[in-house]
Amino acid sequence: MARLTVTRRTALGYAVAGAGALAWPGLALAQDDATAIDAIVEPWLGRFDIPGLAIAIVRPGSAPYLKGYGVRTLGKAARVDAHTRFGIASNSKSFTAACIALLVADGKLAWDDPVRKHLPEFRMKDPVATENLTVRELLVHNSGLALGAGDLMQFPASDRPASDALKALPYLPFARGFRTGYAYDNILYVVADLLIERVSGKPWHAFVAERLLRPIGMTDAVPALRFLKTNNVAGRHARLGPPVRGMGAVEVIAPDEGPMTDAAGGINASVTDIAKWLQVQLSLGRLPDGSQLWPAEASAEMWTPRTIVAGTPGPTDDLPQRGVTQTYALGWFVQDYRGERLIHHSGGLSGQITQTALLPHRGIGVAVFTNTEDGPSSAIRNALLDHLIGASAFDWPAAYAARVSAGQAEALASVAGGIDTAPPGKPSLPLAAYAGRYRDPWYGDVVVAERGGALQIDFVPTPVFKSALEPWGTDSFRTRFPKGAGEDAVVSFAVAGGKVTGVTMKPLSPLADFSYDFHDLAFEPVT
């Protein structure tokens, strides 16, 4: 998977937020308030099978409230604490935006510079986007690229370098015209990674550590999972097994992000770290010693809405959190929440979901980190925000449970009874005729082989994607990737004149995450 004309009220809000957030050491949270917060958080664990979570709350006049709940990993005794590291995933995007803000402040580039001024090799499928996409527009999801375009280069893990993104971009599909609408992408943040390295002379992971993590004092944080050197790490959990209360049982899974993910979603941090990050944001770039990490006007730039995500009629009794508008700025979503400006982001990796949120006019920041793929973290965030601003009572656990139930019913309806029954049809060629090497210009090669009367497929750039192919309709086959390795695909062969002329794919499940963009692949035989 993020956006202010300064009115007097906004300017006052900045001043209040900044003054409050500067008081990093402060009064301890009152015991009755701490008890109330625990009463909000703790019931979620058992009711929704969350192994563990951690929260951070920052607000004026109080020391940050930092606490872990539950266990780091199912089946192990070690508990989550305020220093347990989570993969914050797309919450990393706000750090990448801040890196570029620092380079703008250094005078090394400008927000409105065309990307090609600094990366002459930058190309997209749309020549207008190639020439006109700006540094700012790397961060705002309005390029015209299809949702999640190119994500299969990043997930599941491979060792592909960020530079492969530039090679792939000219072939990635556009879903709409340049600057005509919102579609979330990760790959342009990978380009931002390369831009930062080109302009600064340092790779993104070194730049973000030197210019952000260290000055802020985020001593638990590292730019990517591969740099972690501690055992105090949250496990990853997902529902993979037979149904329990209508859902699969929660199981431990392995991380699956690689180095290309860094600038789009690589940072690992504790809630102790993220509280410091939220405080710097609320202080408009000011550190506790009074020094300015980035200019205050850069905060306005990073929080200014650039792309409309959605518009709605606004909140209802059942949806009190629904904003009239949701927009994307630079590494942040911006919307109204209960009549106030909410700046926020989420982050999703295999097995973990995290949330960060700011109410700048109040100097309030909240983070919720969970070690499960399920989505209650956003509802927990809302419950905490409501408590902090004194909003009218709302049953967030019940609302979340109803949403899950409705989602399950919709999911069952969408797959018409299941995805384990093959559609009608069969191969029209001998199996050996489907064997060969096939190439997609942005992803790379797959190799199909016939062994022992069955087909096998190897997705060469994605080592975990090796599988038998089972017949799945006319000239189509399905994969069965190892458990926990990712979403399965339907592989369809185009046949003409008794030969395979091309291969297309789609996710087996219509509920697959958008990052499994098999549908964007178009393979041709390699001769």
Protein backbone atom coordinates (compact mmCIF):
# COMPACT_ATOMS: atom_id res chain seq x y z
CA MET A 1 0.00 0.00 0.00
CA ALA A 2 -0.12 7.55 1.24
CA ARG A 3 -1.97 13.60 2.09
CA LEU A 4 -2.99 21.23 3.65
CA THR A 5 -3.80 24.67 2.95
CA VAL A 6 -2.95 26.26 6.26
CA THR A 7 -6.00 27.98 7.76
CA ARG A 8 -5.73 29.68 11.13
CA ARG A 9 -7.28 26.66 12.80
CA THR A 10 -4.76 24.36 11.08
CA ALA A 11 -1.88 26.59 12.10
CA LEU A 12 -3.06 26.60 15.69
CA GLY A 13 -3.41 22.86 15.52
CA TYR A 14 0.18 22.55 14.40
CA ALA A 15 1.33 24.72 17.27
CA VAL A 16 -0.62 22.79 19.88
CA ALA A 17 0.48 19.44 18.50
CA GLY A 18 4.08 20.49 18.32
CA ALA A 19 4.19 21.89 21.83
CA GLY A 20 2.62 18.82 23.34
CA ALA A 21 4.60 16.29 21.40
CA LEU A 22 7.90 17.86 22.36
CA ALA A 23 7.41 16.73 25.96
CA TRP A 24 8.74 13.22 25.34
CA PRO A 25 9.61 12.55 28.98
CA GLY A 26 6.54 13.48 30.98
CA LEU A 27 3.94 12.55 33.51
CA ALA A 28 3.09 8.88 33.81
CA LEU A 29 -0.33 7.86 32.56
CA ALA A 30 -2.82 7.87 35.42
CA GLN A 31 -3.43 4.38 36.76
CA ASP A 32 -7.16 4.51 36.11
CA ASP A 33 -6.46 5.54 32.52
CA ALA A 34 -3.98 2.69 32.10
CA THR A 35 -6.58 0.30 33.47
CA ALA A 36 -9.13 1.62 30.99
CA ILE A 37 -6.73 1.16 28.08
CA ASP A 38 -5.94 -2.40 29.14
CA ALA A 39 -9.67 -3.07 29.40
CA ILE A 40 -10.06 -1.91 25.79
CA VAL A 41 -7.18 -4.00 24.43
CA GLU A 42 -7.08 -7.27 26.36
CA PRO A 43 -10.48 -8.74 25.32
CA TRP A 44 -9.46 -8.72 21.67
CA LEU A 45 -6.80 -11.38 22.15
CA GLY A 46 -9.00 -14.29 23.18
CA ARG A 47 -12.10 -13.31 21.24
CA PHE A 48 -10.27 -13.01 17.92
CA ASP A 49 -7.42 -15.51 18.36
CA ILE A 50 -4.66 -12.89 18.39
CA PRO A 51 -1.48 -14.49 19.78
CA GLY A 52 0.05 -11.16 20.72
CA LEU A 53 0.02 -7.43 20.12
CA ALA A 54 1.67 -4.22 21.28
CA ILE A 55 0.41 -0.66 21.51
CA ALA A 56 1.88 2.82 21.74
CA ILE A 57 -0.05 5.93 22.77
CA VAL A 58 1.45 9.42 22.74
CA ARG A 59 -0.28 12.61 23.83
CA PRO A 60 0.60 15.96 25.38
CA GLY A 61 1.64 16.01 29.01
CA SER A 62 2.19 12.27 29.41
CA ALA A 63 4.99 9.83 28.83
CA PRO A 64 4.16 7.38 26.02
CA TYR A 65 2.02 4.44 27.06
CA LEU A 66 3.84 1.37 25.74
CA LYS A 67 2.70 -2.16 26.41
CA GLY A 68 2.76 -5.66 25.00
CA TYR A 69 0.03 -8.27 25.37
CA GLY A 70 0.07 -12.02 24.77
CA VAL A 71 2.87 -14.11 23.33
CA ARG A 72 5.32 -13.43 20.53
CA THR A 73 4.78 -16.83 18.90
CA LEU A 74 2.14 -19.52 19.43
CA GLY A 75 3.48 -22.49 21.36
CA LYS A 76 6.25 -20.48 23.02
CA ALA A 77 6.25 -18.76 26.39
CA ALA A 78 8.06 -15.53 25.48
CA ARG A 79 5.69 -12.60 25.80
CA VAL A 80 5.31 -9.49 23.70
CA ASP A 81 6.77 -6.42 25.40
CA ALA A 82 7.42 -2.81 24.52
CA HIS A 83 10.67 -3.77 22.74
CA THR A 84 9.34 -6.67 20.66
CA ARG A 85 10.09 -6.00 16.98
CA PHE A 86 7.35 -6.22 14.38
CA GLY A 87 7.57 -5.77 10.64
CA ILE A 88 5.75 -2.46 10.19
CA ALA A 89 5.31 -3.14 6.45
CA SER A 90 3.74 -0.22 4.56
CA ASN A 91 4.00 2.05 7.59
CA SER A 92 7.57 2.25 6.27
CA LYS A 93 6.27 4.41 3.40
CA SER A 94 6.09 7.46 5.66
CA PHE A 95 9.80 6.99 6.43
CA THR A 96 10.60 6.87 2.72
CA ALA A 97 8.62 10.07 2.19
CA ALA A 98 10.59 11.69 5.04
CA CYS A 99 13.87 10.56 3.43
CA ILE A 100 12.93 12.42 0.26
CA ALA A 101 11.84 15.43 2.34
CA LEU A 102 15.34 15.49 3.84
CA LEU A 103 16.91 15.43 0.38
CA VAL A 104 14.62 18.27 -0.71
CA ALA A 105 15.71 20.24 2.36
CA ASP A 106 19.33 19.45 1.46
CA GLY A 107 18.74 21.01 -1.96
CA LYS A 108 19.59 17.79 -3.80
CA LEU A 109 16.21 17.47 -5.54
CA ALA A 110 12.75 19.07 -5.65
CA TRP A 111 9.31 17.56 -5.20
CA ASP A 112 8.31 18.64 -8.72
CA ASP A 113 11.43 17.36 -10.44
CA PRO A 114 10.63 14.76 -13.11
CA VAL A 115 11.92 11.41 -11.94
CA ARG A 116 13.94 11.13 -15.16
CA LYS A 117 16.01 14.15 -14.13
CA HIS A 118 17.66 11.92 -11.52
CA LEU A 119 16.99 8.47 -12.99
CA PRO A 120 17.32 8.89 -16.78
CA GLU A 121 16.65 5.17 -17.27
CA PHE A 122 13.17 5.46 -15.70
CA ARG A 123 10.50 4.23 -18.13
CA MET A 124 6.82 3.32 -17.82
CA LYS A 125 4.41 1.78 -20.30
CA ASP A 126 2.70 5.14 -20.75
CA PRO A 127 5.16 7.57 -22.40
CA VAL A 128 3.35 10.56 -20.87
CA ALA A 129 3.94 9.13 -17.39
CA THR A 130 7.55 8.38 -18.30
CA GLU A 131 8.27 12.02 -19.11
CA ASN A 132 6.11 13.72 -16.51
CA LEU A 133 5.96 11.62 -13.35
CA THR A 134 7.49 13.71 -10.57
CA VAL A 135 9.41 12.83 -7.43
CA ARG A 136 6.28 13.59 -5.39
CA GLU A 137 4.18 11.31 -7.59
CA LEU A 138 6.32 8.29 -6.78
CA LEU A 139 4.56 8.40 -3.40
CA VAL A 140 0.86 9.13 -4.10
CA HIS A 141 -0.54 6.12 -6.04
CA ASN A 142 -1.99 8.04 -9.00
CA SER A 143 0.40 6.99 -11.78
CA GLY A 144 -2.18 4.87 -13.60
CA LEU A 145 -0.52 1.57 -12.71
CA ALA A 146 -2.86 -1.30 -11.92
CA LEU A 147 -3.45 -2.20 -8.27
CA GLY A 148 -0.39 -3.96 -6.86
CA ALA A 149 1.33 -4.03 -10.24
CA GLY A 150 4.67 -5.81 -10.02
CA ASP A 151 4.19 -7.09 -6.48
CA LEU A 152 4.98 -10.68 -7.52
CA MET A 153 8.59 -9.55 -7.84
CA GLN A 154 8.52 -8.79 -4.11
CA PHE A 155 6.19 -11.35 -2.52
CA PRO A 156 6.85 -14.12 -1.65
CA ALA A 157 10.49 -13.55 -0.91
CA SER A 158 13.17 -13.61 -3.54
CA ASP A 159 16.62 -12.08 -3.65
CA ARG A 160 15.76 -9.76 -6.54
CA PRO A 161 17.42 -6.34 -6.14
CA ALA A 162 15.50 -3.08 -6.26
CA SER A 163 17.12 -2.34 -9.62
CA ASP A 164 14.90 -5.01 -11.20
CA ALA A 165 11.97 -2.64 -10.68
CA LEU A 166 13.32 -0.26 -13.31
CA LYS A 167 13.68 -3.12 -15.78
CA ALA A 168 10.10 -4.25 -15.14
CA LEU A 169 8.32 -0.89 -15.18
CA PRO A 170 8.04 -0.46 -18.97
CA TYR A 171 5.99 -3.67 -19.14
CA LEU A 172 3.67 -3.25 -16.16
CA PRO A 173 0.01 -2.71 -17.07
CA PHE A 174 -1.84 0.55 -16.60
CA ALA A 175 -5.42 0.34 -15.31
CA ARG A 176 -6.27 3.98 -16.08
CA GLY A 177 -4.79 7.15 -17.49
CA PHE A 178 -1.87 8.92 -15.87
CA ARG A 179 -3.01 11.02 -12.87
CA THR A 180 -6.65 9.98 -13.31
CA GLY A 181 -7.26 7.90 -10.20
CA TYR A 182 -6.03 5.94 -7.21
CA ALA A 183 -4.56 2.44 -7.24
CA TYR A 184 -2.19 1.39 -4.48
CA ASP A 185 1.23 0.24 -5.58
CA ASN A 186 4.54 -0.71 -3.99
CA ILE A 187 6.82 -0.63 -7.00
CA LEU A 188 7.08 3.14 -7.26
CA TYR A 189 8.29 3.19 -3.67
CA VAL A 190 10.98 0.78 -4.87
CA VAL A 191 11.84 3.39 -7.49
CA ALA A 192 11.97 5.94 -4.65
CA ASP A 193 14.52 3.63 -2.99
CA LEU A 194 16.68 3.84 -6.12
CA LEU A 195 16.18 7.60 -6.37
CA ILE A 196 17.36 8.10 -2.78
CA GLU A 197 20.45 6.02 -3.46
CA ARG A 198 21.23 7.85 -6.72
CA VAL A 199 20.88 11.31 -5.17
CA SER A 200 22.44 10.64 -1.76
CA GLY A 201 25.08 8.11 -2.75
CA LYS A 202 23.84 5.73 -0.05
CA PRO A 203 21.44 2.79 -0.30
CA TRP A 204 18.00 3.40 1.21
CA HIS A 205 18.64 1.14 4.19
CA ALA A 206 21.78 3.11 5.13
CA PHE A 207 20.18 6.50 4.49
CA VAL A 208 17.05 5.80 6.56
CA ALA A 209 19.17 4.46 9.43
CA GLU A 210 21.60 7.40 9.40
CA ARG A 211 19.16 10.26 8.80
CA LEU A 212 16.03 9.04 10.62
CA LEU A 213 16.34 6.02 12.90
CA ARG A 214 19.50 7.13 14.73
CA PRO A 215 18.69 10.84 15.21
CA ILE A 216 15.21 9.96 16.49
CA GLY A 217 16.69 7.39 18.87
CA MET A 218 14.86 4.40 17.42
CA THR A 219 17.41 2.00 18.86
CA ASP A 220 15.27 -1.12 18.45
CA ALA A 221 14.56 -0.43 14.78
CA VAL A 222 16.30 -1.78 11.69
CA PRO A 223 15.61 -0.96 8.03
CA ALA A 224 14.75 -4.56 7.14
CA LEU A 225 14.22 -8.00 8.64
CA ARG A 226 17.63 -9.23 7.49
CA PHE A 227 19.33 -6.72 9.84
CA LEU A 228 17.62 -7.95 13.01
CA LYS A 229 20.03 -9.29 15.63
CA THR A 230 17.70 -10.08 18.53
CA ASN A 231 15.36 -12.83 19.64
CA ASN A 232 12.72 -10.35 20.77
CA VAL A 233 10.81 -10.57 17.51
CA ALA A 234 7.09 -11.09 16.97
CA GLY A 235 6.20 -14.31 15.17
CA ARG A 236 4.02 -14.48 12.08
CA HIS A 237 0.59 -16.13 12.16
CA ALA A 238 -2.13 -16.86 9.61
CA ARG A 239 -5.22 -19.04 9.22
CA LEU A 240 -4.23 -21.98 7.03
CA GLY A 241 -5.88 -25.08 8.46
CA PRO A 242 -9.39 -26.55 8.74
CA PRO A 243 -12.18 -24.18 9.78
CA VAL A 244 -12.55 -23.06 13.39
CA ARG A 245 -15.70 -20.97 14.03
CA GLY A 246 -15.95 -20.53 10.28
CA MET A 247 -12.27 -19.65 9.85
CA GLY A 248 -9.04 -21.59 9.59
CA ALA A 249 -7.02 -22.21 12.73
CA VAL A 250 -4.25 -19.71 13.48
CA GLU A 251 -0.84 -21.20 12.68
CA VAL A 252 2.76 -20.03 12.67
CA ILE A 253 4.12 -19.07 9.24
CA ALA A 254 7.49 -17.84 8.03
CA PRO A 255 8.30 -14.28 6.91
CA ASP A 256 8.42 -13.89 3.13
CA GLU A 257 9.67 -10.39 2.31
CA GLY A 258 12.90 -9.84 0.40
CA PRO A 259 15.26 -6.90 -0.19
CA MET A 260 13.14 -5.32 -2.91
CA THR A 261 10.52 -4.63 -0.22
CA ASP A 262 12.74 -2.26 1.80
CA ALA A 263 11.48 1.25 1.00
CA ALA A 264 7.89 0.07 0.47
CA GLY A 265 7.64 -1.99 3.63
CA GLY A 266 10.90 -3.17 5.14
CA ILE A 267 11.31 -1.51 8.54
CA ASN A 268 11.13 -3.63 11.69
CA ALA A 269 10.51 -1.72 14.91
CA SER A 270 9.07 -1.89 18.40
CA VAL A 271 6.25 0.26 19.76
CA THR A 272 8.90 2.02 21.85
CA ASP A 273 10.48 3.11 18.55
CA ILE A 274 7.25 3.99 16.83
CA ALA A 275 6.17 6.22 19.71
CA LYS A 276 9.27 8.34 19.03
CA TRP A 277 8.41 8.43 15.33
CA LEU A 278 4.85 9.58 16.05
CA GLN A 279 6.18 12.29 18.36
CA VAL A 280 8.54 13.64 15.70
CA GLN A 281 5.65 13.68 13.24
CA LEU A 282 3.41 15.54 15.69
CA SER A 283 6.27 17.97 16.45
CA LEU A 284 6.58 18.78 12.72
CA GLY A 285 10.07 17.33 12.50
CA ARG A 286 11.42 18.69 15.79
CA LEU A 287 13.49 16.49 18.12
CA PRO A 288 13.35 16.66 21.93
CA ASP A 289 16.59 18.69 22.05
CA GLY A 290 14.89 21.39 19.97
CA SER A 291 16.77 20.66 16.75
CA GLN A 292 14.81 20.38 13.53
CA LEU A 293 15.14 17.01 11.79
CA TRP A 294 13.21 18.27 8.77
CA PRO A 295 11.64 21.70 8.15
CA ALA A 296 8.11 22.20 9.52
CA GLU A 297 6.90 22.97 6.00
CA ALA A 298 7.97 19.47 4.97
CA SER A 299 5.38 18.06 7.37
CA ALA A 300 2.70 20.11 5.63
CA GLU A 301 3.94 18.72 2.30
CA MET A 302 3.86 15.14 3.53
CA TRP A 303 0.34 15.54 4.99
CA THR A 304 -1.23 17.40 2.06
CA PRO A 305 -3.85 15.28 0.24
CA ARG A 306 -2.79 14.49 -3.34
CA THR A 307 -5.01 11.62 -4.50
CA ILE A 308 -8.68 10.98 -3.74
CA VAL A 309 -9.10 7.41 -2.52
CA ALA A 310 -12.81 7.38 -1.72
CA GLY A 311 -15.80 9.56 -0.95
CA THR A 312 -18.78 8.51 1.15
CA PRO A 313 -21.93 10.01 2.68
CA GLY A 314 -19.98 10.05 5.96
CA PRO A 315 -20.38 8.37 9.33
CA THR A 316 -23.42 6.37 10.37
CA ASP A 317 -24.50 4.69 13.60
CA ASP A 318 -22.93 1.46 12.35
CA LEU A 319 -19.86 3.13 10.80
CA PRO A 320 -18.89 6.00 13.09
CA GLN A 321 -15.34 5.99 11.73
CA ARG A 322 -16.29 6.45 8.08
CA GLY A 323 -14.94 9.67 6.65
CA VAL A 324 -16.61 11.85 4.05
CA THR A 325 -13.34 11.68 2.13
CA GLN A 326 -10.29 9.48 2.25
CA THR A 327 -7.19 10.70 0.47
CA TYR A 328 -3.55 9.79 0.07
CA ALA A 329 -0.69 12.19 0.79
CA LEU A 330 3.03 11.30 0.87
CA GLY A 331 3.26 7.97 2.67
CA TRP A 332 0.08 8.71 4.68
CA PHE A 333 -3.67 8.39 4.28
CA VAL A 334 -5.60 11.49 5.34
CA GLN A 335 -9.31 11.50 6.19
CA ASP A 336 -11.87 12.88 8.61
CA TYR A 337 -12.57 10.79 11.72
CA ARG A 338 -15.37 11.83 14.06
CA GLY A 339 -15.05 15.37 12.75
CA GLU A 340 -11.27 15.55 13.10
CA ARG A 341 -8.36 15.17 10.70
CA LEU A 342 -6.87 11.68 10.96
CA ILE A 343 -3.50 10.91 9.39
CA HIS A 344 -2.80 7.20 9.31
CA HIS A 345 -1.43 4.16 7.57
CA SER A 346 -1.56 0.41 7.91
CA GLY A 347 0.98 -2.24 7.08
CA GLY A 348 0.39 -5.83 6.09
CA LEU A 349 2.94 -8.60 5.73
CA SER A 350 2.38 -12.32 5.68
CA GLY A 351 1.49 -13.00 9.32
CA GLN A 352 1.45 -9.46 10.74
CA ILE A 353 -0.66 -6.29 10.46
CA THR A 354 0.27 -2.96 12.02
CA GLN A 355 -1.36 0.48 12.33
CA THR A 356 -0.10 4.01 12.95
CA ALA A 357 -2.35 7.04 13.40
CA LEU A 358 -2.12 10.74 14.25
CA LEU A 359 -4.69 13.32 15.38
CA PRO A 360 -2.45 16.37 14.89
CA HIS A 361 -4.83 18.96 16.34
CA ARG A 362 -4.78 17.09 19.64
CA GLY A 363 -1.15 15.98 19.61
CA ILE A 364 -2.30 12.36 19.83
CA GLY A 365 -0.64 9.36 18.19
CA VAL A 366 -1.57 5.68 18.37
CA ALA A 367 0.07 2.51 17.08
CA VAL A 368 -1.27 -1.04 17.19
CA PHE A 369 1.00 -3.90 16.13
CA THR A 370 -0.43 -7.44 15.82
CA ASN A 371 1.31 -10.72 15.01
CA THR A 372 -1.53 -12.13 12.93
CA GLU A 373 -2.81 -11.65 9.39
CA ASP A 374 -6.33 -10.99 10.65
CA GLY A 375 -7.53 -7.39 10.57
CA PRO A 376 -8.71 -6.34 14.05
CA SER A 377 -5.80 -3.91 14.50
CA SER A 378 -7.71 -1.10 12.77
CA ALA A 379 -10.73 -1.57 15.06
CA ILE A 380 -8.46 -1.65 18.13
CA ARG A 381 -6.88 1.58 16.87
CA ASN A 382 -10.33 3.16 16.56
CA ALA A 383 -11.33 2.04 20.04
CA LEU A 384 -8.19 3.62 21.47
CA LEU A 385 -8.71 6.85 19.53
CA ASP A 386 -12.29 7.05 20.77
CA HIS A 387 -11.13 6.65 24.35
CA LEU A 388 -8.46 9.31 23.96
CA ILE A 389 -10.81 11.93 22.49
CA GLY A 390 -13.80 11.05 24.69
CA ALA A 391 -16.01 9.94 21.80
CA SER A 392 -19.40 8.39 22.46
CA ALA A 393 -19.31 4.69 23.27
CA PHE A 394 -19.26 2.21 20.40
CA ASP A 395 -18.93 -1.58 20.52
CA TRP A 396 -15.87 -2.04 18.29
CA PRO A 397 -15.43 -5.79 18.96
CA ALA A 398 -19.05 -6.48 17.99
CA ALA A 399 -18.74 -4.32 14.88
CA TYR A 400 -15.55 -6.11 13.85
CA ALA A 401 -17.13 -9.54 14.48
CA ALA A 402 -20.11 -8.56 12.30
CA ARG A 403 -17.78 -7.38 9.53
CA VAL A 404 -15.85 -10.67 9.65
CA SER A 405 -19.08 -12.66 9.51
CA ALA A 406 -20.37 -10.64 6.57
CA GLY A 407 -17.03 -11.02 4.82
CA GLN A 408 -17.13 -14.78 5.23
CA ALA A 409 -20.63 -14.95 3.80
CA GLU A 410 -19.60 -12.80 0.83
CA ALA A 411 -16.51 -14.94 0.31
CA LEU A 412 -18.52 -18.16 0.25
CA ALA A 413 -20.96 -16.64 -2.22
CA SER A 414 -18.17 -15.39 -4.48
CA VAL A 415 -16.63 -18.83 -4.88
CA ALA A 416 -20.01 -20.55 -5.36
CA GLY A 417 -19.36 -23.30 -2.86
CA GLY A 418 -15.60 -23.70 -3.02
CA ILE A 419 -12.42 -23.64 -5.06
CA ASP A 420 -11.56 -27.32 -4.82
CA THR A 421 -13.72 -28.62 -7.69
CA ALA A 422 -12.19 -28.40 -11.14
CA PRO A 423 -14.26 -26.67 -13.83
CA PRO A 424 -15.32 -28.69 -16.89
CA GLY A 425 -12.81 -29.31 -19.66
CA LYS A 426 -9.53 -31.11 -20.06
CA PRO A 427 -6.11 -30.76 -21.75
CA SER A 428 -6.36 -30.75 -25.54
CA LEU A 429 -2.69 -31.71 -26.04
CA PRO A 430 -0.44 -34.47 -24.71
CA LEU A 431 1.07 -33.28 -21.43
CA ALA A 432 4.57 -33.16 -22.91
CA ALA A 433 3.34 -30.52 -25.38
CA TYR A 434 2.81 -28.03 -22.53
CA ALA A 435 6.39 -28.40 -21.30
CA GLY A 436 8.84 -25.61 -21.96
CA ARG A 437 10.25 -22.32 -20.76
CA TYR A 438 7.94 -19.30 -20.86
CA ARG A 439 8.88 -15.67 -20.28
CA ASP A 440 7.00 -12.63 -19.04
CA PRO A 441 8.84 -9.37 -19.76
CA TRP A 442 8.50 -7.89 -16.26
CA TYR A 443 8.43 -10.98 -14.06
CA GLY A 444 10.80 -13.41 -15.75
CA ASP A 445 10.58 -17.11 -16.55
CA VAL A 446 8.55 -20.12 -15.55
CA VAL A 447 9.60 -23.63 -16.54
CA VAL A 448 7.01 -26.34 -17.12
CA ALA A 449 8.24 -29.93 -17.23
CA GLU A 450 6.54 -33.28 -17.77
CA ARG A 451 7.67 -35.96 -15.36
CA GLY A 452 6.11 -39.34 -14.77
CA GLY A 453 2.88 -38.52 -16.54
CA ALA A 454 2.31 -35.20 -14.72
CA LEU A 455 3.30 -31.57 -15.17
CA GLN A 456 5.49 -29.55 -12.80
CA ILE A 457 6.00 -25.78 -12.77
CA ASP A 458 8.88 -23.73 -11.42
CA PHE A 459 8.52 -19.94 -11.07
CA VAL A 460 12.20 -19.21 -11.50
CA PRO A 461 12.36 -15.79 -9.76
CA THR A 462 10.26 -17.02 -6.82
CA PRO A 463 12.00 -20.06 -5.32
CA VAL A 464 9.09 -21.15 -3.13
CA PHE A 465 6.73 -21.33 -6.12
CA LYS A 466 7.39 -24.90 -7.28
CA SER A 467 4.42 -27.20 -7.70
CA ALA A 468 2.72 -30.02 -9.51
CA LEU A 469 0.11 -28.84 -12.00
CA GLU A 470 -3.34 -30.43 -11.76
CA PRO A 471 -5.79 -30.26 -14.69
CA TRP A 472 -8.27 -27.42 -14.08
CA GLY A 473 -10.51 -27.04 -17.12
CA THR A 474 -9.69 -26.77 -20.79
CA ASP A 475 -5.93 -26.36 -21.24
CA SER A 476 -5.68 -25.01 -17.71
CA PHE A 477 -4.02 -26.32 -14.57
CA ARG A 478 -3.84 -25.29 -10.93
CA THR A 479 -0.85 -25.14 -8.60
CA ARG A 480 -0.54 -26.50 -5.07
CA PHE A 481 2.22 -24.46 -3.53
CA PRO A 482 3.65 -25.54 -0.18
CA LYS A 483 1.44 -24.71 2.79
CA GLY A 484 1.94 -21.12 3.84
CA ALA A 485 3.92 -20.24 0.72
CA GLY A 486 1.31 -17.96 -0.82
CA GLU A 487 -1.77 -17.99 -3.01
CA ASP A 488 -2.19 -20.70 -5.63
CA ALA A 489 -2.62 -19.85 -9.31
CA VAL A 490 -4.60 -21.10 -12.27
CA VAL A 491 -2.22 -21.51 -15.22
CA SER A 492 -3.93 -21.31 -18.64
CA PHE A 493 -2.22 -22.27 -21.90
CA ALA A 494 -3.27 -20.68 -25.20
CA VAL A 495 -3.21 -23.37 -27.89
CA ALA A 496 -3.21 -22.88 -31.67
CA GLY A 497 -2.22 -25.33 -34.38
CA GLY A 498 -1.41 -28.00 -31.82
CA LYS A 499 1.14 -25.81 -30.02
CA VAL A 500 1.23 -23.58 -26.95
CA THR A 501 1.41 -19.95 -28.02
CA GLY A 502 1.24 -18.28 -24.63
CA VAL A 503 0.44 -18.64 -20.95
CA THR A 504 -1.73 -16.49 -18.70
CA MET A 505 -2.59 -16.85 -15.03
CA LYS A 506 -4.94 -15.71 -12.31
CA PRO A 507 -5.17 -16.34 -8.57
CA LEU A 508 -7.08 -19.51 -7.76
CA SER A 509 -9.05 -17.75 -5.04
CA PRO A 510 -10.99 -14.58 -5.85
CA LEU A 511 -10.13 -13.48 -2.31
CA ALA A 512 -6.36 -13.52 -2.85
CA ASP A 513 -4.47 -10.41 -1.76
CA PHE A 514 -3.84 -7.95 -4.59
CA SER A 515 -0.08 -8.49 -4.28
CA TYR A 516 -0.52 -11.88 -5.95
CA ASP A 517 -0.93 -10.21 -9.33
CA PHE A 518 -0.76 -13.37 -11.44
CA HIS A 519 -3.37 -11.74 -13.70
CA ASP A 520 -0.79 -9.18 -14.85
CA LEU A 521 1.45 -11.88 -16.31
CA ALA A 522 1.58 -12.70 -20.03
CA PHE A 523 4.13 -15.41 -20.87
CA GLU A 524 5.40 -16.33 -24.30
CA PRO A 525 7.38 -19.45 -25.24
CA VAL A 526 11.15 -19.05 -25.12
CA THR A 527 12.70 -20.56 -28.23
